[in-house]
Amino acid sequence: MFLNQPSPPAWAIHCAAIVVSAGWGTVGHSTTNHKSLASPKGVASQSLGATAVVRVDTSVAGAAFDFEYGVDHGPRCDSGVDVADDLLRFGSSLIRTHDSGVLDWPVVYPHPNFDAPTDDPASYVWDAADVYWGNIVDSGLEPYLRLGTSWGQLGGGLPPAGVPYNRTALVDVLLHTVKHYREGWGGGRNFSGTSKFRYTELWNEPDSAVTGTPHGRFWNRSAADFYDLIHDTAVALKTYDPSLIVSTDGVALATGAADAPYSWGLISEFARRRTPFDAFSWHAYTDQPTLFRTIATAVREHLDAAGLQHVEQHVTEWFPCIQCIEEDTAQGAAAFGATLATLVHAGVKLATLYPLCSSGGNKTGNHGWGLFDDETVPGTALWRPLTHVYAAFGDLMQQTPLPLTATAQNVSSFTVLAGLSTSASSENKEVRVMISAYVGCTSSSVALTISGLPETVQLDYTVTVVNGSGTNLLVLAGNAPASPAGDLNLSFDLAPPAVATIRVAQSLSF
């Protein structure tokens, strides 16, 4: 769903100079062998506004980024194209199983009246579900199991509202589904010991309605009924295996109303009941990255106020837009990069974007919808501008996983994410910085200082950009000696919307 942008919160970075410091020594502002490449077409070579001043400090690196990321419904596109290798390259290791269709409870247990024993393997059909699960784990990826139903199962597969259903039986079906994939219960393919499986999410968007009908898309009963089902299921799962990480409930509008029964109401009720859950999950589709920070802050405040400080936040669906051409533009790429940085900075523990690559139905003029375009060229998953940003983010998270403090001045609609490598040798250390200038940014250039670098050490650096002219455009490259102060100063154009990736390492260590 689209969400309106609130007033920018105080945390928003304004266009300014950025300095990065990582305790790596000091590099001066010498421009020895500095090469500033000609601005590509569409990139202003003169300032259109303020210069964003950015500083990254490498002298104090934190513990490794505590953030996992992945996608929904994969690793194959709707067209059948397999993109597992790309996802592994990105470090995007999680596959949320929502909209698989075949893992929905009415499919694996095809008895809508619950008239077959829920503890009898003969009551279950695992064939299609096992193939889907196998595609994930055989690729080296990890399932994030969403229990419940996909888009095509109106009302969560339950009888019409007002018609009773056997809640105890449904809880047992959900439990035995988890047991099947944890230990091989119930026949079919035995996945026990063959793959990592930590996460289970209870339901999806109970607050989503179906336009023009009295039915909910994924839930057709009261919030109180929902609390009962999710509480009982969480207790059953945690009793079976306390190590399972249980999340709920993939709410569509976490801050949509003052009472918000499926977010604030659920948090309060589960605190009262002492429901054993580990993460609260929510969704947002918007090209305004500040909204993710606003929601994350509100959720954290409600969890803490309820005494649930241990409960994490999982954003299990997100994207800059829903079926729109923005996904193929620099504007979408910049919003995408800024959202990733915002989720990390906001303390979100895990995020799975939606969708991986959906096609058919004339989505966005037959260019598909999602991380990849699997429709324009049949049999191929094309990279969009935002796919290149996802790859750059993955490189930063994997190659430089120690977070660095970054500050910026004189800029708005602008995010910075910086990391340091874990090498024990100062000679082999590397710094990466990702800067996203999205719509609304008032600067057109960046003055970046990276401090805390090794004194007098020669450093290689590159700056590549994703913008309206292309992807991975090399706009700055060279080498410079470390100064006695341990600073390296770089200046380059960055007219919004655009994403810049900066890499700095000792010469000959690339």
Protein backbone atom coordinates (compact mmCIF):
# COMPACT_ATOMS: atom_id res chain seq x y z
CA MET A 1 0.00 0.00 0.00
CA PHE A 2 1.08 3.59 -0.45
CA LEU A 3 1.65 5.58 2.70
CA ASN A 4 1.75 9.32 3.05
CA GLN A 5 4.95 10.98 4.09
CA PRO A 6 4.87 12.57 7.56
CA SER A 7 6.86 15.61 8.56
CA PRO A 8 10.57 14.75 8.37
CA PRO A 9 11.80 13.55 11.77
CA ALA A 10 14.75 15.10 13.53
CA TRP A 11 17.07 12.26 12.52
CA ALA A 12 16.89 13.14 8.81
CA ILE A 13 20.26 14.16 7.42
CA HIS A 14 20.41 17.47 5.61
CA CYS A 15 22.54 18.13 2.53
CA ALA A 16 26.04 18.85 3.73
CA ALA A 17 29.63 17.76 3.71
CA ILE A 18 30.15 14.19 4.90
CA VAL A 19 33.17 12.94 6.80
CA VAL A 20 33.83 9.26 7.57
CA SER A 21 36.22 8.19 10.32
CA ALA A 22 37.16 4.57 11.09
CA GLY A 23 40.24 4.59 13.32
CA TRP A 24 42.32 3.53 10.38
CA GLY A 25 44.80 6.37 10.57
CA THR A 26 44.80 9.77 8.90
CA VAL A 27 44.91 10.53 5.21
CA GLY A 28 45.46 14.06 4.05
CA HIS A 29 43.65 15.96 1.38
CA SER A 30 46.39 15.47 -1.18
CA THR A 31 45.06 14.89 -4.68
CA THR A 32 48.10 13.02 -5.99
CA ASN A 33 47.11 10.96 -9.07
CA HIS A 34 43.53 12.14 -8.56
CA LYS A 35 41.34 11.61 -11.59
CA SER A 36 37.97 13.31 -11.83
CA LEU A 37 36.12 11.80 -14.74
CA ALA A 38 33.92 13.90 -16.93
CA SER A 39 30.37 14.14 -15.63
CA PRO A 40 28.15 11.79 -17.62
CA LYS A 41 25.26 13.18 -19.58
CA GLY A 42 22.50 14.28 -17.26
CA VAL A 43 24.81 14.94 -14.32
CA ALA A 44 25.39 18.59 -13.57
CA SER A 45 29.07 19.55 -13.60
CA GLN A 46 28.36 22.74 -11.69
CA SER A 47 26.64 23.10 -8.34
CA LEU A 48 22.87 23.36 -8.52
CA GLY A 49 22.63 23.89 -4.77
CA ALA A 50 24.49 23.33 -1.56
CA THR A 51 27.41 20.97 -1.25
CA ALA A 52 26.66 18.09 1.05
CA VAL A 53 29.50 17.86 3.57
CA VAL A 54 29.92 14.28 4.77
CA ARG A 55 32.33 12.96 7.37
CA VAL A 56 33.02 9.28 8.07
CA ASP A 57 35.10 8.38 11.11
CA THR A 58 37.03 5.12 10.85
CA SER A 59 38.62 5.44 14.29
CA VAL A 60 35.67 3.90 16.15
CA ALA A 61 33.93 0.99 14.46
CA GLY A 62 30.97 -0.72 16.07
CA ALA A 63 30.12 -4.41 16.28
CA ALA A 64 29.03 -5.96 13.00
CA PHE A 65 25.82 -4.71 11.41
CA ASP A 66 22.91 -6.52 13.10
CA PHE A 67 20.70 -6.67 10.03
CA GLU A 68 19.53 -9.57 7.87
CA TYR A 69 17.87 -9.07 4.52
CA GLY A 70 16.16 -11.01 1.79
CA VAL A 71 13.17 -11.13 -0.55
CA ASP A 72 9.65 -12.51 -0.77
CA HIS A 73 8.65 -15.45 -2.95
CA GLY A 74 11.77 -16.83 -4.57
CA PRO A 75 14.35 -17.75 -5.63
CA ARG A 76 12.54 -18.10 -8.94
CA CYS A 77 10.68 -15.32 -10.70
CA ASP A 78 7.06 -15.77 -11.73
CA SER A 79 8.39 -16.64 -15.21
CA GLY A 80 10.54 -19.43 -13.75
CA VAL A 81 13.90 -17.67 -14.10
CA ASP A 82 16.16 -18.62 -11.19
CA VAL A 83 18.03 -15.71 -9.57
CA ALA A 84 19.46 -17.57 -6.56
CA ASP A 85 23.05 -16.87 -7.63
CA ASP A 86 22.39 -13.13 -7.72
CA LEU A 87 20.73 -13.22 -4.31
CA LEU A 88 23.67 -15.09 -2.81
CA ARG A 89 26.05 -12.55 -4.34
CA PHE A 90 24.03 -9.75 -2.72
CA GLY A 91 24.10 -11.47 0.68
CA SER A 92 20.31 -11.55 0.40
CA SER A 93 19.98 -14.94 2.07
CA LEU A 94 16.36 -15.03 3.27
CA ILE A 95 13.32 -16.08 1.22
CA ARG A 96 10.00 -15.23 2.86
CA THR A 97 7.51 -17.79 1.58
CA HIS A 98 4.46 -15.52 1.35
CA ASP A 99 2.53 -15.86 -1.92
CA SER A 100 4.11 -19.22 -2.66
CA GLY A 101 0.54 -20.52 -2.72
CA VAL A 102 1.73 -24.09 -2.21
CA LEU A 103 2.79 -23.58 1.44
CA ASP A 104 -0.62 -22.23 2.50
CA TRP A 105 -2.30 -24.28 5.19
CA PRO A 106 -5.41 -25.18 3.09
CA VAL A 107 -3.06 -26.60 0.41
CA VAL A 108 -0.89 -28.81 2.61
CA TYR A 109 -3.95 -29.78 4.69
CA PRO A 110 -6.83 -29.81 2.15
CA HIS A 111 -9.66 -30.31 4.63
CA PRO A 112 -11.49 -26.98 5.08
CA ASN A 113 -13.88 -28.45 7.64
CA PHE A 114 -11.00 -29.88 9.69
CA ASP A 115 -12.59 -33.31 9.39
CA ALA A 116 -9.30 -35.20 8.98
CA PRO A 117 -6.97 -35.95 11.91
CA THR A 118 -4.40 -33.19 12.19
CA ASP A 119 -1.81 -35.54 13.68
CA ASP A 120 -2.08 -38.11 10.87
CA PRO A 121 0.50 -37.82 8.05
CA ALA A 122 -2.13 -39.17 5.65
CA SER A 123 -4.10 -35.92 6.10
CA TYR A 124 -1.34 -33.85 4.47
CA VAL A 125 -0.12 -33.27 0.91
CA TRP A 126 3.47 -32.05 0.81
CA ASP A 127 4.46 -32.57 -2.83
CA ALA A 128 4.26 -29.03 -4.24
CA ALA A 129 5.29 -27.42 -0.97
CA ASP A 130 8.39 -29.62 -0.76
CA VAL A 131 9.43 -28.69 -4.29
CA TYR A 132 9.13 -25.00 -3.42
CA TRP A 133 11.03 -25.43 -0.14
CA GLY A 134 13.66 -27.48 -1.93
CA ASN A 135 14.23 -24.74 -4.51
CA ILE A 136 15.13 -22.43 -1.64
CA VAL A 137 17.35 -24.63 0.49
CA ASP A 138 19.05 -26.43 -2.41
CA SER A 139 20.21 -23.00 -3.59
CA GLY A 140 21.89 -22.27 -0.25
CA LEU A 141 19.20 -19.80 0.82
CA GLU A 142 17.13 -19.84 4.02
CA PRO A 143 13.32 -19.96 4.20
CA TYR A 144 11.44 -17.43 6.33
CA LEU A 145 8.24 -19.42 6.73
CA ARG A 146 5.04 -17.40 6.69
CA LEU A 147 2.23 -19.50 8.18
CA GLY A 148 -1.25 -18.65 6.94
CA THR A 149 -2.39 -17.97 3.39
CA SER A 150 -1.35 -16.17 0.22
CA TRP A 151 -3.20 -13.56 -1.83
CA GLY A 152 -5.42 -16.11 -3.55
CA GLN A 153 -6.94 -17.55 -0.36
CA LEU A 154 -9.72 -15.11 0.55
CA GLY A 155 -10.27 -14.67 4.28
CA GLY A 156 -7.24 -16.71 5.24
CA GLY A 157 -8.86 -19.94 4.05
CA LEU A 158 -11.40 -19.82 6.89
CA PRO A 159 -15.18 -20.26 6.66
CA PRO A 160 -17.23 -17.09 6.14
CA ALA A 161 -17.31 -14.62 8.99
CA GLY A 162 -19.76 -15.77 11.64
CA VAL A 163 -19.30 -19.44 10.83
CA PRO A 164 -17.30 -21.16 13.59
CA TYR A 165 -14.07 -22.96 12.83
CA ASN A 166 -11.92 -25.36 14.82
CA ARG A 167 -9.13 -23.13 16.12
CA THR A 168 -7.43 -25.96 17.99
CA ALA A 169 -7.22 -27.99 14.78
CA LEU A 170 -5.80 -25.05 12.80
CA VAL A 171 -3.13 -24.47 15.42
CA ASP A 172 -2.19 -28.14 15.14
CA VAL A 173 -1.99 -27.92 11.33
CA LEU A 174 0.37 -24.95 11.60
CA LEU A 175 2.47 -26.75 14.20
CA HIS A 176 2.76 -29.90 12.09
CA THR A 177 3.78 -27.83 9.07
CA VAL A 178 6.71 -26.50 11.08
CA LYS A 179 7.50 -30.02 12.35
CA HIS A 180 7.57 -31.29 8.78
CA TYR A 181 10.24 -28.79 7.74
CA ARG A 182 12.18 -29.00 11.00
CA GLU A 183 12.32 -32.75 11.51
CA GLY A 184 10.72 -34.44 8.51
CA TRP A 185 7.42 -35.25 10.20
CA GLY A 186 4.59 -36.52 8.01
CA GLY A 187 6.39 -38.04 5.04
CA GLY A 188 7.39 -36.28 1.86
CA ARG A 189 10.94 -35.00 1.55
CA ASN A 190 12.88 -34.95 4.81
CA PHE A 191 14.67 -31.60 5.19
CA SER A 192 15.93 -32.18 8.73
CA GLY A 193 19.62 -31.42 9.04
CA THR A 194 19.88 -30.23 5.44
CA SER A 195 19.23 -26.52 5.79
CA LYS A 196 18.93 -23.57 8.14
CA PHE A 197 15.37 -22.75 9.21
CA ARG A 198 15.04 -20.25 12.06
CA TYR A 199 12.12 -17.94 11.30
CA THR A 200 8.37 -18.49 11.41
CA GLU A 201 5.90 -15.63 10.84
CA LEU A 202 2.33 -16.02 12.04
CA TRP A 203 -0.07 -14.74 9.41
CA ASN A 204 0.02 -11.85 6.97
CA GLU A 205 -1.78 -8.49 6.93
CA PRO A 206 -4.86 -9.31 9.02
CA ASP A 207 -5.85 -5.67 8.53
CA SER A 208 -5.96 -5.84 4.69
CA ALA A 209 -9.44 -5.52 3.24
CA VAL A 210 -10.87 -6.60 -0.11
CA THR A 211 -12.28 -3.59 -1.93
CA GLY A 212 -16.02 -3.78 -2.49
CA THR A 213 -16.60 -6.73 -0.18
CA PRO A 214 -17.10 -7.21 3.55
CA HIS A 215 -14.25 -9.72 3.60
CA GLY A 216 -10.70 -9.33 4.79
CA ARG A 217 -8.07 -10.46 2.33
CA PHE A 218 -6.21 -12.60 4.88
CA TRP A 219 -8.49 -12.52 7.94
CA ASN A 220 -12.29 -12.36 8.18
CA ARG A 221 -12.93 -12.30 11.92
CA SER A 222 -12.45 -9.99 14.87
CA ALA A 223 -9.15 -8.81 16.28
CA ALA A 224 -9.94 -10.72 19.48
CA ASP A 225 -10.33 -13.94 17.47
CA PHE A 226 -7.00 -13.20 15.83
CA TYR A 227 -5.27 -12.71 19.17
CA ASP A 228 -6.55 -16.13 20.29
CA LEU A 229 -5.26 -17.93 17.17
CA ILE A 230 -1.84 -16.27 17.15
CA HIS A 231 -1.33 -16.64 20.91
CA ASP A 232 -2.20 -20.33 20.84
CA THR A 233 0.03 -20.94 17.80
CA ALA A 234 2.98 -19.08 19.33
CA VAL A 235 2.66 -21.11 22.53
CA ALA A 236 2.50 -24.36 20.54
CA LEU A 237 5.56 -23.49 18.45
CA LYS A 238 7.67 -22.31 21.38
CA THR A 239 6.69 -25.37 23.41
CA TYR A 240 7.76 -27.57 20.52
CA ASP A 241 11.06 -25.72 19.89
CA PRO A 242 12.05 -22.70 21.98
CA SER A 243 14.83 -21.85 19.52
CA LEU A 244 12.33 -20.93 16.79
CA ILE A 245 12.18 -17.19 16.14
CA VAL A 246 8.46 -16.43 16.01
CA SER A 247 7.18 -13.20 14.46
CA THR A 248 3.73 -11.71 13.89
CA ASP A 249 1.70 -10.41 12.15
CA GLY A 250 2.87 -8.70 8.95
CA VAL A 251 0.55 -5.78 9.60
CA ALA A 252 -0.20 -3.58 6.57
CA LEU A 253 -0.87 -0.32 8.41
CA ALA A 254 1.09 -0.36 11.64
CA THR A 255 0.28 3.28 12.42
CA GLY A 256 -2.95 3.52 10.47
CA ALA A 257 -5.27 4.33 13.38
CA ALA A 258 -5.13 5.47 16.97
CA ASP A 259 -6.29 2.09 18.27
CA ALA A 260 -4.61 0.03 15.48
CA PRO A 261 -5.92 -3.34 16.73
CA TYR A 262 -3.43 -5.41 14.76
CA SER A 263 -0.41 -3.41 15.90
CA TRP A 264 -0.83 -1.40 19.11
CA GLY A 265 -3.77 -3.53 20.25
CA LEU A 266 -1.92 -6.76 19.49
CA ILE A 267 1.23 -5.58 21.28
CA SER A 268 -0.73 -4.65 24.40
CA GLU A 269 -2.73 -7.87 24.40
CA PHE A 270 0.30 -10.09 23.88
CA ALA A 271 2.14 -8.32 26.67
CA ARG A 272 -0.85 -8.95 28.94
CA ARG A 273 -1.05 -12.61 27.94
CA ARG A 274 2.74 -13.04 27.96
CA THR A 275 2.56 -14.47 24.46
CA PRO A 276 5.96 -15.91 23.53
CA PHE A 277 6.91 -14.05 20.37
CA ASP A 278 10.27 -12.68 19.26
CA ALA A 279 9.49 -10.15 16.54
CA PHE A 280 6.74 -7.78 15.44
CA SER A 281 6.51 -7.63 11.63
CA TRP A 282 5.10 -4.84 9.47
CA HIS A 283 4.90 -3.68 5.86
CA ALA A 284 5.27 -0.40 3.97
CA TYR A 285 5.37 0.57 0.30
CA THR A 286 6.61 4.13 -0.19
CA ASP A 287 9.36 6.15 -1.87
CA GLN A 288 9.65 8.31 1.26
CA PRO A 289 12.39 6.67 3.36
CA THR A 290 11.64 8.87 6.36
CA LEU A 291 8.35 7.02 6.80
CA PHE A 292 10.21 3.80 7.61
CA ARG A 293 12.02 5.59 10.42
CA THR A 294 8.74 7.06 11.69
CA ILE A 295 7.03 3.65 11.79
CA ALA A 296 10.05 1.90 13.31
CA THR A 297 10.27 4.55 16.04
CA ALA A 298 6.56 4.25 16.86
CA VAL A 299 6.69 0.44 16.97
CA ARG A 300 9.75 0.50 19.21
CA GLU A 301 8.08 2.93 21.58
CA HIS A 302 4.96 0.76 21.88
CA LEU A 303 6.95 -2.43 22.38
CA ASP A 304 9.11 -0.85 25.06
CA ALA A 305 6.14 0.70 26.83
CA ALA A 306 4.55 -2.77 26.98
CA GLY A 307 7.68 -4.25 28.53
CA LEU A 308 8.65 -6.05 25.30
CA GLN A 309 12.14 -4.63 24.91
CA HIS A 310 13.36 -8.03 23.68
CA VAL A 311 10.97 -8.12 20.71
CA GLU A 312 12.65 -7.27 17.38
CA GLN A 313 11.22 -5.54 14.33
CA HIS A 314 10.97 -7.36 10.99
CA VAL A 315 9.85 -5.48 7.89
CA THR A 316 8.64 -8.43 5.83
CA GLU A 317 7.34 -6.47 2.83
CA TRP A 318 8.72 -3.21 1.47
CA PHE A 319 9.40 -1.53 -1.86
CA PRO A 320 9.47 2.05 -3.18
CA CYS A 321 6.17 1.56 -4.97
CA ILE A 322 3.47 -0.88 -6.05
CA GLN A 323 3.48 -1.76 -9.76
CA CYS A 324 4.84 1.57 -10.91
CA ILE A 325 7.42 2.76 -13.45
CA GLU A 326 9.46 4.38 -10.67
CA GLU A 327 11.19 1.04 -10.13
CA ASP A 328 13.03 1.55 -13.44
CA THR A 329 14.24 5.08 -12.67
CA ALA A 330 17.02 6.78 -10.74
CA GLN A 331 14.30 8.15 -8.47
CA GLY A 332 13.29 4.63 -7.47
CA ALA A 333 16.93 3.57 -7.06
CA ALA A 334 17.71 6.50 -4.77
CA ALA A 335 14.61 5.87 -2.64
CA PHE A 336 15.56 2.18 -2.53
CA GLY A 337 19.10 2.89 -1.32
CA ALA A 338 17.93 5.44 1.22
CA THR A 339 15.34 3.00 2.58
CA LEU A 340 17.96 0.30 3.13
CA ALA A 341 20.18 2.76 5.02
CA THR A 342 17.20 3.97 7.04
CA LEU A 343 16.16 0.44 8.04
CA VAL A 344 19.70 -0.28 9.28
CA HIS A 345 19.96 3.00 11.20
CA ALA A 346 16.46 2.62 12.68
CA GLY A 347 17.37 -0.63 14.39
CA VAL A 348 15.19 -2.92 12.27
CA LYS A 349 16.61 -6.43 12.64
CA LEU A 350 15.42 -7.98 9.38
CA ALA A 351 13.81 -6.91 6.11
CA THR A 352 12.52 -8.84 3.11
CA LEU A 353 11.54 -6.79 0.07
CA TYR A 354 8.45 -7.61 -2.00
CA PRO A 355 8.37 -8.84 -4.67
CA LEU A 356 11.43 -10.56 -6.09
CA CYS A 357 10.16 -10.48 -9.67
CA SER A 358 6.47 -10.60 -10.47
CA SER A 359 5.23 -10.62 -14.05
CA GLY A 360 2.07 -10.91 -16.07
CA GLY A 361 -1.12 -8.88 -15.89
CA ASN A 362 0.46 -5.90 -17.69
CA LYS A 363 2.31 -4.77 -14.57
CA THR A 364 4.10 -1.46 -15.24
CA GLY A 365 3.66 -1.73 -19.00
CA ASN A 366 4.82 -5.34 -19.16
CA HIS A 367 8.12 -4.68 -17.39
CA GLY A 368 7.12 -6.74 -14.36
CA TRP A 369 7.35 -5.59 -10.77
CA GLY A 370 10.07 -6.14 -8.23
CA LEU A 371 13.81 -6.40 -7.76
CA PHE A 372 14.29 -7.89 -11.24
CA ASP A 373 12.49 -7.44 -14.57
CA ASP A 374 11.75 -10.96 -15.81
CA GLU A 375 9.28 -9.86 -18.47
CA THR A 376 10.94 -7.49 -20.96
CA VAL A 377 13.32 -10.19 -22.23
CA PRO A 378 11.69 -13.63 -21.85
CA GLY A 379 13.90 -16.10 -20.02
CA THR A 380 16.06 -13.37 -18.49
CA ALA A 381 15.98 -11.48 -15.19
CA LEU A 382 17.17 -7.99 -16.07
CA TRP A 383 18.75 -5.76 -13.46
CA ARG A 384 16.98 -2.49 -12.78
CA PRO A 385 18.82 0.59 -11.45
CA LEU A 386 17.67 -0.34 -7.96
CA THR A 387 19.07 -3.87 -8.44
CA HIS A 388 22.52 -2.32 -8.87
CA VAL A 389 21.95 -0.39 -5.64
CA TYR A 390 20.99 -3.62 -3.87
CA ALA A 391 24.23 -5.20 -5.11
CA ALA A 392 26.26 -2.24 -3.81
CA PHE A 393 24.48 -2.46 -0.45
CA GLY A 394 25.26 -6.17 -0.30
CA ASP A 395 28.93 -5.52 -1.03
CA LEU A 396 29.08 -2.96 1.78
CA MET A 397 27.38 -5.26 4.28
CA GLN A 398 29.54 -8.26 3.40
CA GLN A 399 32.94 -6.70 2.68
CA THR A 400 32.84 -3.92 5.28
CA PRO A 401 30.51 -5.20 8.02
CA LEU A 402 31.67 -2.97 10.88
CA PRO A 403 29.43 0.14 11.03
CA LEU A 404 31.08 3.57 11.05
CA THR A 405 29.71 6.87 12.28
CA ALA A 406 28.82 9.25 9.48
CA THR A 407 27.61 12.84 9.73
CA ALA A 408 26.26 15.22 7.11
CA GLN A 409 25.44 18.93 7.02
CA ASN A 410 23.52 21.32 4.75
CA VAL A 411 21.39 18.61 3.16
CA SER A 412 17.97 16.97 3.28
CA SER A 413 16.54 13.82 1.68
CA PHE A 414 19.98 12.26 1.96
CA THR A 415 21.31 9.15 3.71
CA VAL A 416 24.78 7.81 4.40
CA LEU A 417 25.75 4.25 5.30
CA ALA A 418 29.41 3.38 5.96
CA GLY A 419 31.32 0.26 6.93
CA LEU A 420 34.84 -0.98 7.68
CA SER A 421 36.32 -4.38 6.85
CA THR A 422 37.19 -6.83 9.61
CA SER A 423 40.79 -7.48 8.58
CA ALA A 424 43.15 -7.58 11.56
CA SER A 425 45.86 -5.97 9.45
CA SER A 426 45.63 -2.21 8.93
CA GLU A 427 47.25 -2.71 5.53
CA ASN A 428 44.31 -4.77 4.31
CA LYS A 429 41.46 -2.70 5.68
CA GLU A 430 38.80 -1.26 3.42
CA VAL A 431 36.09 1.39 3.81
CA ARG A 432 32.87 1.52 1.80
CA VAL A 433 30.30 4.30 1.88
CA MET A 434 26.88 4.42 0.19
CA ILE A 435 25.26 7.83 -0.22
CA SER A 436 21.66 8.15 -1.46
CA ALA A 437 20.36 11.55 -2.56
CA TYR A 438 16.66 11.11 -3.22
CA VAL A 439 13.89 13.42 -4.42
CA GLY A 440 13.87 16.55 -2.27
CA CYS A 441 17.64 16.69 -1.76
CA THR A 442 18.89 20.25 -2.15
CA SER A 443 22.56 19.51 -2.80
CA SER A 444 24.18 18.64 -6.13
CA SER A 445 27.68 17.74 -4.96
CA VAL A 446 29.42 16.04 -2.08
CA ALA A 447 32.54 16.92 -0.08
CA LEU A 448 33.49 13.70 1.69
CA THR A 449 36.12 13.36 4.42
CA ILE A 450 37.18 9.94 5.62
CA SER A 451 39.22 10.23 8.81
CA GLY A 452 41.19 7.87 11.03
CA LEU A 453 43.15 6.36 8.13
CA PRO A 454 46.75 5.05 8.34
CA GLU A 455 49.27 7.90 8.29
CA THR A 456 51.26 8.31 5.06
CA VAL A 457 49.83 5.15 3.49
CA GLN A 458 48.98 5.39 -0.20
CA LEU A 459 45.25 4.82 -0.75
CA ASP A 460 43.26 3.86 -3.82
CA TYR A 461 39.70 5.16 -4.12
CA THR A 462 36.79 4.93 -6.52
CA VAL A 463 33.41 6.63 -6.68
CA THR A 464 30.67 5.06 -8.81
CA VAL A 465 27.17 6.42 -9.30
CA VAL A 466 23.71 5.16 -10.24
CA ASN A 467 21.69 8.04 -11.72
CA GLY A 468 19.48 8.99 -14.62
CA SER A 469 22.34 8.48 -17.07
CA GLY A 470 23.25 4.95 -16.16
CA THR A 471 24.42 2.48 -13.54
CA ASN A 472 27.84 2.02 -11.96
CA LEU A 473 29.21 5.11 -13.69
CA LEU A 474 32.80 5.75 -12.58
CA VAL A 475 32.94 9.46 -11.72
CA LEU A 476 36.09 9.59 -9.61
CA ALA A 477 39.15 7.37 -9.25
CA GLY A 478 42.73 7.77 -8.09
CA ASN A 479 45.15 7.38 -5.25
CA ALA A 480 46.54 9.69 -2.60
CA PRO A 481 48.95 9.36 0.31
CA ALA A 482 47.66 9.37 3.83
CA SER A 483 48.30 12.70 5.50
CA PRO A 484 49.76 13.07 8.98
CA ALA A 485 46.21 13.90 10.11
CA GLY A 486 44.81 10.65 8.71
CA ASP A 487 42.21 12.27 6.43
CA LEU A 488 41.22 11.62 2.84
CA ASN A 489 39.10 14.31 1.19
CA LEU A 490 37.07 13.56 -1.94
CA SER A 491 34.72 15.86 -3.87
CA PHE A 492 32.32 14.83 -6.61
CA ASP A 493 29.02 15.78 -8.25
CA LEU A 494 25.90 13.99 -7.03
CA ALA A 495 22.79 15.63 -8.44
CA PRO A 496 19.64 13.94 -7.10
CA PRO A 497 18.19 11.45 -7.57
CA ALA A 498 21.33 9.34 -7.41
CA VAL A 499 23.26 6.81 -5.33
CA ALA A 500 27.05 6.97 -4.93
CA THR A 501 29.26 4.12 -3.75
CA ILE A 502 32.72 4.99 -2.44
CA ARG A 503 35.48 2.44 -1.87
CA VAL A 504 38.81 3.22 -0.21
CA ALA A 505 41.65 0.72 0.39
CA GLN A 506 45.42 0.62 0.52
CA SER A 507 47.00 0.73 -2.95
CA LEU A 508 47.48 -2.68 -4.59
CA SER A 509 44.99 -4.28 -2.19
CA PHE A 510 42.03 -4.15 -4.58
